[in-house]
Amino acid sequence: MVIIVVLFGSFLTANAQRRTVKVYPRIGAVVTTVHQPKLVVHRGINFHVANGIWYRYRSGKYVVCAAPIGITVRKLPRGNQVVRVNGRKFFRYRGVWYKKQGRGYITVNV
């Protein structure tokens, strides 16, 4: 009986260690490093996007910002959701709404 409890307990511990919890920064948060940010220029302003999170680069650091409306990206972030609004197809990821336009996706207000 003791062996079964020990084996079962170690099995639960092993599974608990495989769980990944993602924490995303809030708008205004300052981040020192961003993994492979893509530079996107919109109306003369440089934005960086990585994993669906938008940043502005200031004083050697990245500041999390809202996605600019009307900016076009080639690919949607992983984990986006397809949402139909009044029969129209949109894509949503972390509060940012996208609409298919040409070969890319444009950020929109919904």
Protein backbone atom coordinates (compact mmCIF):
# COMPACT_ATOMS: atom_id res chain seq x y z
CA MET A 1 0.00 0.00 0.00
CA VAL A 2 2.85 2.38 0.85
CA ILE A 3 4.50 1.65 -2.50
CA ILE A 4 1.30 2.52 -4.37
CA VAL A 5 0.96 5.84 -2.52
CA VAL A 6 4.62 6.72 -3.18
CA LEU A 7 4.33 5.86 -6.89
CA PHE A 8 1.05 7.74 -7.27
CA GLY A 9 2.49 10.78 -5.48
CA SER A 10 5.59 10.84 -7.68
CA PHE A 11 3.38 10.55 -10.78
CA LEU A 12 1.35 13.60 -9.72
CA THR A 13 4.50 15.56 -8.97
CA ALA A 14 5.97 14.72 -12.39
CA ASN A 15 2.80 15.86 -14.17
CA ALA A 16 2.62 19.08 -12.16
CA GLN A 17 6.12 20.03 -13.31
CA ARG A 18 5.12 19.83 -17.00
CA ARG A 19 2.50 22.53 -16.68
CA THR A 20 3.40 25.85 -18.29
CA VAL A 21 1.78 29.04 -17.09
CA LYS A 22 2.14 32.06 -19.38
CA VAL A 23 2.00 35.49 -17.84
CA TYR A 24 1.63 38.44 -20.19
CA PRO A 25 2.64 41.98 -19.23
CA ARG A 26 0.03 44.73 -18.92
CA ILE A 27 0.00 47.88 -21.02
CA GLY A 28 2.59 50.29 -19.64
CA ALA A 29 4.83 47.57 -18.22
CA VAL A 30 8.54 47.98 -18.93
CA VAL A 31 10.40 44.94 -20.23
CA THR A 32 14.17 44.77 -20.65
CA THR A 33 14.29 41.97 -23.23
CA VAL A 34 11.83 40.65 -25.81
CA HIS A 35 12.29 37.35 -27.65
CA GLN A 36 12.66 37.96 -31.41
CA PRO A 37 10.60 41.14 -31.77
CA LYS A 38 9.46 42.09 -35.29
CA LEU A 39 9.72 45.75 -36.24
CA VAL A 40 6.53 47.22 -37.71
CA VAL A 41 6.39 50.87 -38.80
CA HIS A 42 2.96 52.50 -38.71
CA ARG A 43 2.47 56.16 -39.63
CA GLY A 44 6.15 56.84 -39.00
CA ILE A 45 6.14 55.26 -35.53
CA ASN A 46 8.19 52.15 -34.77
CA PHE A 47 6.36 49.34 -33.02
CA HIS A 48 7.73 45.96 -32.07
CA VAL A 49 5.56 42.86 -31.81
CA ALA A 50 6.46 39.49 -30.29
CA ASN A 51 4.04 36.67 -29.47
CA GLY A 52 1.09 38.98 -30.15
CA ILE A 53 2.20 41.62 -27.64
CA TRP A 54 2.94 45.13 -28.90
CA TYR A 55 5.84 47.28 -27.64
CA ARG A 56 7.43 50.70 -28.15
CA TYR A 57 11.20 50.90 -27.69
CA ARG A 58 12.30 53.69 -25.34
CA SER A 59 15.60 54.33 -23.58
CA GLY A 60 16.95 50.84 -24.22
CA LYS A 61 13.81 49.10 -22.93
CA TYR A 62 10.49 47.92 -24.32
CA VAL A 63 7.23 49.44 -23.06
CA VAL A 64 4.07 47.37 -23.59
CA CYS A 65 1.47 49.33 -25.55
CA ALA A 66 -1.92 48.83 -27.18
CA ALA A 67 -1.90 47.57 -30.75
CA PRO A 68 -2.29 50.50 -33.14
CA ILE A 69 -5.56 50.39 -35.10
CA GLY A 70 -5.04 50.00 -38.83
CA ILE A 71 -1.65 48.31 -38.68
CA THR A 72 -1.14 45.27 -40.92
CA VAL A 73 0.67 42.09 -39.92
CA ARG A 74 1.46 39.08 -42.11
CA LYS A 75 0.71 36.37 -39.54
CA LEU A 76 -1.63 36.10 -36.62
CA PRO A 77 -0.27 35.13 -33.21
CA ARG A 78 -0.67 31.50 -32.17
CA GLY A 79 -3.70 30.89 -30.00
CA ASN A 80 -5.94 33.43 -31.74
CA GLN A 81 -9.68 32.80 -31.74
CA VAL A 82 -12.01 33.05 -34.71
CA VAL A 83 -15.02 35.19 -33.81
CA ARG A 84 -18.01 36.04 -36.00
CA VAL A 85 -19.63 39.43 -35.43
CA ASN A 86 -22.75 40.22 -37.48
CA GLY A 87 -21.75 37.49 -39.92
CA ARG A 88 -18.24 38.89 -40.42
CA LYS A 89 -15.15 36.86 -39.55
CA PHE A 90 -12.64 38.37 -37.14
CA PHE A 91 -9.69 37.03 -35.20
CA ARG A 92 -9.01 37.93 -31.57
CA TYR A 93 -5.88 37.55 -29.50
CA ARG A 94 -5.38 39.08 -26.04
CA GLY A 95 -7.94 41.82 -26.66
CA VAL A 96 -6.62 42.77 -30.10
CA TRP A 97 -9.02 42.26 -33.01
CA TYR A 98 -7.79 41.44 -36.52
CA LYS A 99 -9.55 41.22 -39.89
CA LYS A 100 -8.24 39.43 -42.98
CA GLN A 101 -7.16 41.92 -45.63
CA GLY A 102 -5.29 40.86 -48.73
CA ARG A 103 -2.33 38.67 -47.76
CA GLY A 104 -2.27 39.91 -44.17
CA TYR A 105 -4.39 40.95 -41.22
CA ILE A 106 -5.29 44.45 -40.11
CA THR A 107 -6.04 45.53 -36.53
CA VAL A 108 -9.56 46.87 -36.13
CA ASN A 109 -12.03 48.12 -33.53
CA VAL A 110 -14.96 45.78 -33.02
